[in-house]
Amino acid sequence: MKRTYTAIFCLGIVFSLISGCATFRSGVKGHFSEPGSKNLGAEKVDVLFIFSHYEQARGYDAIPKLESHHQIIRDFDDLFIDACGELSNLDKYTTFTEYASDVSEPERITKRDSLIAAYDYVIRIKFMKEHSFAQHFLGTLFSTVSATLLPMPYSQHFSMEVNVFDDQDILLHSYKREASMTKWVQTLLVFVYPFHTEKRKEEEIYINLMHDVFRQIETERVLK
């Protein structure tokens, strides 16, 4: 009997080692379909970008939670800088990221407010990542029981809300984009995994969301 348990345990380890996953993403919902045009010749402007990153497990979290510095997608600054290429008349710009801990750090709130007063425009960008707690719980359970032989999907929904304010704190424009990402876990997907990694697909979603909104802001001449 002891040998049987040992064999089952070893078999489980082998399956877990050879199991793979592949991640696929959707297109951008609310995509700006018009041809983009550059705001060439416009006066240079100073812009403050205020970011907030939220995450919620539906069915588990009562409200969305602000992500901490270490929870935000890795290399986010690089993704943002890449998207800023859509805005041709940026002069000076900086970013400020809001955290839940700001409520007990009044100096950060003071810093944010002083930055708002110093810039021509403020662009507030809210990212939201959501997934179903029940789906992830059951998916993990069935995946473990079947030693990843049964393909199991794990889905995440992403959204980005953007509000542009002028130096009088007047709301000029609002934008919203959405996308989703599904990771499939199954033994034979080990051969597909290197080409469809979760990190790459998540980065692609963030890049596409920001590029699309910034291209619309540029085309609509919002930053005059």
C-alpha atoms as a PDB file:
ATOM      1  CA  MET A   1       0.000   0.000   0.000  1.00  0.00           C
ATOM      2  CA  LYS A   2       2.836   2.334   0.883  1.00  0.00           C
ATOM      3  CA  ARG A   3       4.407   1.701  -2.516  1.00  0.00           C
ATOM      4  CA  THR A   4       1.107   2.559  -4.206  1.00  0.00           C
ATOM      5  CA  TYR A   5       0.894   5.930  -2.451  1.00  0.00           C
ATOM      6  CA  THR A   6       4.500   6.637  -3.344  1.00  0.00           C
ATOM      7  CA  ALA A   7       3.848   5.804  -6.999  1.00  0.00           C
ATOM      8  CA  ILE A   8       0.784   8.069  -7.110  1.00  0.00           C
ATOM      9  CA  PHE A   9       2.732  10.877  -5.483  1.00  0.00           C
ATOM     10  CA  CYS A  10       5.590  10.556  -7.982  1.00  0.00           C
ATOM     11  CA  LEU A  11       3.137  10.416 -10.875  1.00  0.00           C
ATOM     12  CA  GLY A  12       1.510  13.616  -9.678  1.00  0.00           C
ATOM     13  CA  ILE A  13       4.890  15.346  -9.571  1.00  0.00           C
ATOM     14  CA  VAL A  14       5.669  14.215 -13.124  1.00  0.00           C
ATOM     15  CA  PHE A  15       2.352  15.542 -14.446  1.00  0.00           C
ATOM     16  CA  SER A  16       2.808  18.879 -12.684  1.00  0.00           C
ATOM     17  CA  LEU A  17       6.296  19.256 -14.146  1.00  0.00           C
ATOM     18  CA  ILE A  18       5.189  18.615 -17.729  1.00  0.00           C
ATOM     19  CA  SER A  19       1.937  20.579 -17.536  1.00  0.00           C
ATOM     20  CA  GLY A  20       1.762  23.736 -19.568  1.00  0.00           C
ATOM     21  CA  CYS A  21      -0.432  26.721 -20.102  1.00  0.00           C
ATOM     22  CA  ALA A  22      -1.220  29.130 -22.902  1.00  0.00           C
ATOM     23  CA  THR A  23      -2.717  32.588 -22.559  1.00  0.00           C
ATOM     24  CA  PHE A  24      -4.871  34.352 -25.131  1.00  0.00           C
ATOM     25  CA  ARG A  25      -6.269  37.884 -25.107  1.00  0.00           C
ATOM     26  CA  SER A  26      -9.234  39.584 -26.693  1.00  0.00           C
ATOM     27  CA  GLY A  27      -9.229  42.747 -28.740  1.00  0.00           C
ATOM     28  CA  VAL A  28      -9.987  46.143 -27.224  1.00  0.00           C
ATOM     29  CA  LYS A  29     -13.670  46.820 -26.552  1.00  0.00           C
ATOM     30  CA  GLY A  30     -14.485  50.452 -27.354  1.00  0.00           C
ATOM     31  CA  HIS A  31     -11.563  50.640 -29.799  1.00  0.00           C
ATOM     32  CA  PHE A  32     -11.095  54.048 -31.467  1.00  0.00           C
ATOM     33  CA  SER A  33     -11.862  53.124 -35.058  1.00  0.00           C
ATOM     34  CA  GLU A  34     -11.137  56.441 -36.769  1.00  0.00           C
ATOM     35  CA  PRO A  35      -7.809  57.036 -38.518  1.00  0.00           C
ATOM     36  CA  GLY A  36      -5.459  58.760 -36.096  1.00  0.00           C
ATOM     37  CA  SER A  37      -4.003  62.170 -36.910  1.00  0.00           C
ATOM     38  CA  LYS A  38      -1.141  63.988 -35.237  1.00  0.00           C
ATOM     39  CA  ASN A  39      -1.662  67.293 -33.439  1.00  0.00           C
ATOM     40  CA  LEU A  40       1.383  68.761 -35.139  1.00  0.00           C
ATOM     41  CA  GLY A  41       2.200  72.416 -34.525  1.00  0.00           C
ATOM     42  CA  ALA A  42       0.213  72.540 -31.277  1.00  0.00           C
ATOM     43  CA  GLU A  43       1.668  74.419 -28.339  1.00  0.00           C
ATOM     44  CA  LYS A  44       3.604  72.214 -25.931  1.00  0.00           C
ATOM     45  CA  VAL A  45       1.774  71.437 -22.691  1.00  0.00           C
ATOM     46  CA  ASP A  46       2.664  70.074 -19.259  1.00  0.00           C
ATOM     47  CA  VAL A  47       0.656  67.039 -18.156  1.00  0.00           C
ATOM     48  CA  LEU A  48       0.329  65.184 -14.871  1.00  0.00           C
ATOM     49  CA  PHE A  49      -0.751  61.539 -15.148  1.00  0.00           C
ATOM     50  CA  ILE A  50      -2.378  60.148 -12.003  1.00  0.00           C
ATOM     51  CA  PHE A  51      -2.628  56.356 -11.974  1.00  0.00           C
ATOM     52  CA  SER A  52      -4.649  54.029  -9.785  1.00  0.00           C
ATOM     53  CA  HIS A  53      -4.505  50.246 -10.166  1.00  0.00           C
ATOM     54  CA  TYR A  54      -7.367  48.181  -8.752  1.00  0.00           C
ATOM     55  CA  GLU A  55      -7.977  44.450  -8.485  1.00  0.00           C
ATOM     56  CA  GLN A  56     -11.053  42.514  -7.420  1.00  0.00           C
ATOM     57  CA  ALA A  57     -11.969  38.850  -7.101  1.00  0.00           C
ATOM     58  CA  ARG A  58     -15.721  38.864  -7.749  1.00  0.00           C
ATOM     59  CA  GLY A  59     -17.499  36.753  -5.162  1.00  0.00           C
ATOM     60  CA  TYR A  60     -14.627  37.151  -2.693  1.00  0.00           C
ATOM     61  CA  ASP A  61     -13.767  40.856  -2.403  1.00  0.00           C
ATOM     62  CA  ALA A  62     -16.556  43.166  -1.317  1.00  0.00           C
ATOM     63  CA  ILE A  63     -15.006  46.153  -3.107  1.00  0.00           C
ATOM     64  CA  PRO A  64     -12.125  46.695  -5.553  1.00  0.00           C
ATOM     65  CA  LYS A  65      -8.772  47.005  -3.783  1.00  0.00           C
ATOM     66  CA  LEU A  66      -5.993  49.418  -4.702  1.00  0.00           C
ATOM     67  CA  GLU A  67      -2.881  47.475  -5.638  1.00  0.00           C
ATOM     68  CA  SER A  68       0.354  48.143  -3.809  1.00  0.00           C
ATOM     69  CA  HIS A  69       3.581  49.124  -5.523  1.00  0.00           C
ATOM     70  CA  HIS A  70       4.685  45.478  -5.775  1.00  0.00           C
ATOM     71  CA  GLN A  71       1.357  44.269  -7.206  1.00  0.00           C
ATOM     72  CA  ILE A  72       1.298  46.591 -10.223  1.00  0.00           C
ATOM     73  CA  ILE A  73       2.222  44.949 -13.502  1.00  0.00           C
ATOM     74  CA  ARG A  74       5.973  44.682 -13.862  1.00  0.00           C
ATOM     75  CA  ASP A  75       7.637  47.172 -16.225  1.00  0.00           C
ATOM     76  CA  PHE A  76       4.528  49.358 -16.263  1.00  0.00           C
ATOM     77  CA  ASP A  77       6.647  52.512 -16.610  1.00  0.00           C
ATOM     78  CA  ASP A  78       8.146  51.172 -19.846  1.00  0.00           C
ATOM     79  CA  LEU A  79       4.677  50.428 -21.220  1.00  0.00           C
ATOM     80  CA  PHE A  80       3.496  53.937 -20.333  1.00  0.00           C
ATOM     81  CA  ILE A  81       6.516  55.618 -21.936  1.00  0.00           C
ATOM     82  CA  ASP A  82       5.888  53.641 -25.110  1.00  0.00           C
ATOM     83  CA  ALA A  83       2.248  54.808 -25.234  1.00  0.00           C
ATOM     84  CA  CYS A  84       3.250  58.447 -24.645  1.00  0.00           C
ATOM     85  CA  GLY A  85       4.636  58.459 -28.172  1.00  0.00           C
ATOM     86  CA  GLU A  86       1.043  58.958 -29.327  1.00  0.00           C
ATOM     87  CA  LEU A  87       0.965  62.454 -27.767  1.00  0.00           C
ATOM     88  CA  SER A  88       3.015  64.802 -29.924  1.00  0.00           C
ATOM     89  CA  ASN A  89       2.801  68.037 -27.919  1.00  0.00           C
ATOM     90  CA  LEU A  90       3.870  66.791 -24.487  1.00  0.00           C
ATOM     91  CA  ASP A  91       6.493  69.033 -22.940  1.00  0.00           C
ATOM     92  CA  LYS A  92       7.013  68.337 -19.242  1.00  0.00           C
ATOM     93  CA  TYR A  93       5.124  65.434 -17.749  1.00  0.00           C
ATOM     94  CA  THR A  94       5.257  63.320 -14.642  1.00  0.00           C
ATOM     95  CA  THR A  95       3.286  60.544 -13.001  1.00  0.00           C
ATOM     96  CA  PHE A  96       1.773  59.956  -9.585  1.00  0.00           C
ATOM     97  CA  THR A  97       0.414  56.574  -8.502  1.00  0.00           C
ATOM     98  CA  GLU A  98      -2.215  56.354  -5.781  1.00  0.00           C
ATOM     99  CA  TYR A  99      -2.000  53.664  -3.089  1.00  0.00           C
ATOM    100  CA  ALA A 100      -4.369  52.704  -0.285  1.00  0.00           C
ATOM    101  CA  SER A 101      -1.658  53.652   2.221  1.00  0.00           C
ATOM    102  CA  ASP A 102      -1.976  57.307   1.125  1.00  0.00           C
ATOM    103  CA  VAL A 103      -4.765  57.753   3.683  1.00  0.00           C
ATOM    104  CA  SER A 104      -2.145  57.535   6.441  1.00  0.00           C
ATOM    105  CA  GLU A 105       0.537  59.468   4.565  1.00  0.00           C
ATOM    106  CA  PRO A 106      -0.683  63.076   4.289  1.00  0.00           C
ATOM    107  CA  GLU A 107       2.624  64.168   2.746  1.00  0.00           C
ATOM    108  CA  ARG A 108       1.824  62.126  -0.363  1.00  0.00           C
ATOM    109  CA  ILE A 109      -1.590  63.721  -0.662  1.00  0.00           C
ATOM    110  CA  THR A 110       0.034  67.135  -0.306  1.00  0.00           C
ATOM    111  CA  LYS A 111       2.534  66.218  -3.009  1.00  0.00           C
ATOM    112  CA  ARG A 112      -0.239  65.084  -5.350  1.00  0.00           C
ATOM    113  CA  ASP A 113      -2.221  68.290  -4.844  1.00  0.00           C
ATOM    114  CA  SER A 114       0.852  70.466  -5.425  1.00  0.00           C
ATOM    115  CA  LEU A 115       1.561  68.615  -8.662  1.00  0.00           C
ATOM    116  CA  ILE A 116      -2.033  69.094  -9.837  1.00  0.00           C
ATOM    117  CA  ALA A 117      -1.701  72.847  -9.324  1.00  0.00           C
ATOM    118  CA  ALA A 118       1.543  72.980 -11.321  1.00  0.00           C
ATOM    119  CA  TYR A 119       0.394  71.337 -14.571  1.00  0.00           C
ATOM    120  CA  ASP A 120      -1.705  72.454 -17.546  1.00  0.00           C
ATOM    121  CA  TYR A 121      -3.651  69.194 -17.694  1.00  0.00           C
ATOM    122  CA  VAL A 122      -4.303  66.283 -15.358  1.00  0.00           C
ATOM    123  CA  ILE A 123      -5.062  62.880 -16.837  1.00  0.00           C
ATOM    124  CA  ARG A 124      -6.465  60.418 -14.311  1.00  0.00           C
ATOM    125  CA  ILE A 125      -6.133  56.798 -15.412  1.00  0.00           C
ATOM    126  CA  LYS A 126      -7.818  53.986 -13.501  1.00  0.00           C
ATOM    127  CA  PHE A 127      -6.936  50.379 -14.293  1.00  0.00           C
ATOM    128  CA  MET A 128      -9.109  47.528 -13.066  1.00  0.00           C
ATOM    129  CA  LYS A 129      -8.338  43.788 -13.080  1.00  0.00           C
ATOM    130  CA  GLU A 130     -11.210  41.448 -12.210  1.00  0.00           C
ATOM    131  CA  HIS A 131     -11.645  37.709 -12.071  1.00  0.00           C
ATOM    132  CA  SER A 132     -14.254  35.303 -10.753  1.00  0.00           C
ATOM    133  CA  PHE A 133     -13.187  33.771  -7.455  1.00  0.00           C
ATOM    134  CA  ALA A 134     -15.511  30.786  -8.006  1.00  0.00           C
ATOM    135  CA  GLN A 135     -14.109  30.100 -11.470  1.00  0.00           C
ATOM    136  CA  HIS A 136     -10.521  30.262 -10.253  1.00  0.00           C
ATOM    137  CA  PHE A 137     -11.240  28.118  -7.197  1.00  0.00           C
ATOM    138  CA  LEU A 138     -13.056  25.413  -9.163  1.00  0.00           C
ATOM    139  CA  GLY A 139     -10.541  25.586 -11.990  1.00  0.00           C
ATOM    140  CA  THR A 140      -7.652  25.044  -9.593  1.00  0.00           C
ATOM    141  CA  LEU A 141      -9.514  22.170  -7.917  1.00  0.00           C
ATOM    142  CA  PHE A 142     -10.325  20.304 -11.158  1.00  0.00           C
ATOM    143  CA  SER A 143      -6.882  21.005 -12.584  1.00  0.00           C
ATOM    144  CA  THR A 144      -5.231  19.514  -9.492  1.00  0.00           C
ATOM    145  CA  VAL A 145      -7.538  16.492  -9.302  1.00  0.00           C
ATOM    146  CA  SER A 146      -7.008  15.682 -12.987  1.00  0.00           C
ATOM    147  CA  ALA A 147      -3.245  16.296 -12.798  1.00  0.00           C
ATOM    148  CA  THR A 148      -3.833  19.015 -15.449  1.00  0.00           C
ATOM    149  CA  LEU A 149      -5.089  16.462 -17.980  1.00  0.00           C
ATOM    150  CA  LEU A 150      -8.371  18.380 -18.315  1.00  0.00           C
ATOM    151  CA  PRO A 151      -7.946  21.820 -19.920  1.00  0.00           C
ATOM    152  CA  MET A 152      -9.061  24.513 -17.475  1.00  0.00           C
ATOM    153  CA  PRO A 153      -9.581  28.222 -18.293  1.00  0.00           C
ATOM    154  CA  TYR A 154      -8.720  31.108 -15.958  1.00  0.00           C
ATOM    155  CA  SER A 155     -10.129  34.412 -17.179  1.00  0.00           C
ATOM    156  CA  GLN A 156      -9.364  38.008 -16.216  1.00  0.00           C
ATOM    157  CA  HIS A 157     -11.196  41.138 -17.268  1.00  0.00           C
ATOM    158  CA  PHE A 158      -9.300  44.408 -17.713  1.00  0.00           C
ATOM    159  CA  SER A 159     -10.697  47.915 -17.993  1.00  0.00           C
ATOM    160  CA  MET A 160      -9.195  51.374 -18.196  1.00  0.00           C
ATOM    161  CA  GLU A 161     -11.040  54.609 -17.411  1.00  0.00           C
ATOM    162  CA  VAL A 162      -9.420  57.889 -18.423  1.00  0.00           C
ATOM    163  CA  ASN A 163     -10.564  61.383 -17.397  1.00  0.00           C
ATOM    164  CA  VAL A 164      -8.851  64.515 -18.722  1.00  0.00           C
ATOM    165  CA  PHE A 165      -9.024  67.740 -16.661  1.00  0.00           C
ATOM    166  CA  ASP A 166      -7.744  71.214 -17.443  1.00  0.00           C
ATOM    167  CA  ASP A 167      -5.893  73.493 -15.014  1.00  0.00           C
ATOM    168  CA  GLN A 168      -9.247  74.672 -13.590  1.00  0.00           C
ATOM    169  CA  ASP A 169     -10.148  71.089 -12.662  1.00  0.00           C
ATOM    170  CA  ILE A 170     -12.856  71.023 -15.341  1.00  0.00           C
ATOM    171  CA  LEU A 171     -13.517  67.628 -16.886  1.00  0.00           C
ATOM    172  CA  LEU A 172     -12.838  67.835 -20.619  1.00  0.00           C
ATOM    173  CA  HIS A 173     -13.204  64.254 -21.840  1.00  0.00           C
ATOM    174  CA  SER A 174     -13.768  60.741 -20.524  1.00  0.00           C
ATOM    175  CA  TYR A 175     -12.777  57.458 -22.127  1.00  0.00           C
ATOM    176  CA  LYS A 176     -13.185  53.782 -21.313  1.00  0.00           C
ATOM    177  CA  ARG A 177     -11.651  50.653 -22.804  1.00  0.00           C
ATOM    178  CA  GLU A 178     -11.998  46.976 -21.915  1.00  0.00           C
ATOM    179  CA  ALA A 179     -10.249  43.708 -22.756  1.00  0.00           C
ATOM    180  CA  SER A 180     -10.010  40.177 -21.399  1.00  0.00           C
ATOM    181  CA  MET A 181      -7.381  37.481 -21.066  1.00  0.00           C
ATOM    182  CA  THR A 182      -7.847  33.725 -20.680  1.00  0.00           C
ATOM    183  CA  LYS A 183      -5.157  31.325 -19.521  1.00  0.00           C
ATOM    184  CA  TRP A 184      -5.652  27.657 -20.326  1.00  0.00           C
ATOM    185  CA  VAL A 185      -3.855  25.049 -18.226  1.00  0.00           C
ATOM    186  CA  GLN A 186      -3.433  21.568 -19.657  1.00  0.00           C
ATOM    187  CA  THR A 187      -0.641  19.022 -19.897  1.00  0.00           C
ATOM    188  CA  LEU A 188      -0.095  19.147 -23.662  1.00  0.00           C
ATOM    189  CA  LEU A 189      -0.020  22.956 -23.708  1.00  0.00           C
ATOM    190  CA  VAL A 190       3.587  22.714 -22.546  1.00  0.00           C
ATOM    191  CA  PHE A 191       4.442  22.822 -26.263  1.00  0.00           C
ATOM    192  CA  VAL A 192       2.482  26.063 -26.808  1.00  0.00           C
ATOM    193  CA  TYR A 193       3.435  27.942 -23.634  1.00  0.00           C
ATOM    194  CA  PRO A 194       6.661  29.652 -24.818  1.00  0.00           C
ATOM    195  CA  PHE A 195       4.705  31.532 -27.489  1.00  0.00           C
ATOM    196  CA  HIS A 196       1.673  32.573 -25.440  1.00  0.00           C
ATOM    197  CA  THR A 197       2.939  33.564 -21.997  1.00  0.00           C
ATOM    198  CA  GLU A 198       0.695  35.267 -19.482  1.00  0.00           C
ATOM    199  CA  LYS A 199       3.169  38.127 -18.917  1.00  0.00           C
ATOM    200  CA  ARG A 200       3.379  38.961 -22.625  1.00  0.00           C
ATOM    201  CA  LYS A 201      -0.402  38.940 -23.135  1.00  0.00           C
ATOM    202  CA  GLU A 202      -0.985  41.128 -20.075  1.00  0.00           C
ATOM    203  CA  GLU A 203       1.613  43.617 -21.311  1.00  0.00           C
ATOM    204  CA  GLU A 204      -0.048  43.640 -24.733  1.00  0.00           C
ATOM    205  CA  ILE A 205      -3.392  44.492 -23.132  1.00  0.00           C
ATOM    206  CA  TYR A 206      -1.948  47.425 -21.180  1.00  0.00           C
ATOM    207  CA  ILE A 207      -0.057  48.682 -24.239  1.00  0.00           C
ATOM    208  CA  ASN A 208      -3.117  48.459 -26.496  1.00  0.00           C
ATOM    209  CA  LEU A 209      -5.423  50.142 -23.983  1.00  0.00           C
ATOM    210  CA  MET A 210      -3.107  53.112 -23.446  1.00  0.00           C
ATOM    211  CA  HIS A 211      -2.109  53.496 -27.083  1.00  0.00           C
ATOM    212  CA  ASP A 212      -5.735  53.482 -28.195  1.00  0.00           C
ATOM    213  CA  VAL A 213      -6.906  56.141 -25.729  1.00  0.00           C
ATOM    214  CA  PHE A 214      -3.850  58.362 -26.197  1.00  0.00           C
ATOM    215  CA  ARG A 215      -4.306  58.157 -29.986  1.00  0.00           C
ATOM    216  CA  GLN A 216      -7.909  59.338 -29.582  1.00  0.00           C
ATOM    217  CA  ILE A 217      -6.837  62.183 -27.284  1.00  0.00           C
ATOM    218  CA  GLU A 218      -4.259  63.210 -29.905  1.00  0.00           C
ATOM    219  CA  THR A 219      -6.730  63.004 -32.790  1.00  0.00           C
ATOM    220  CA  GLU A 220      -9.421  64.980 -30.943  1.00  0.00           C
ATOM    221  CA  ARG A 221      -6.898  67.745 -30.050  1.00  0.00           C
ATOM    222  CA  VAL A 222      -7.790  67.530 -26.370  1.00  0.00           C
ATOM    223  CA  LEU A 223      -4.373  68.756 -25.219  1.00  0.00           C
ATOM    224  CA  LYS A 224      -4.425  72.081 -27.080  1.00  0.00           C
END
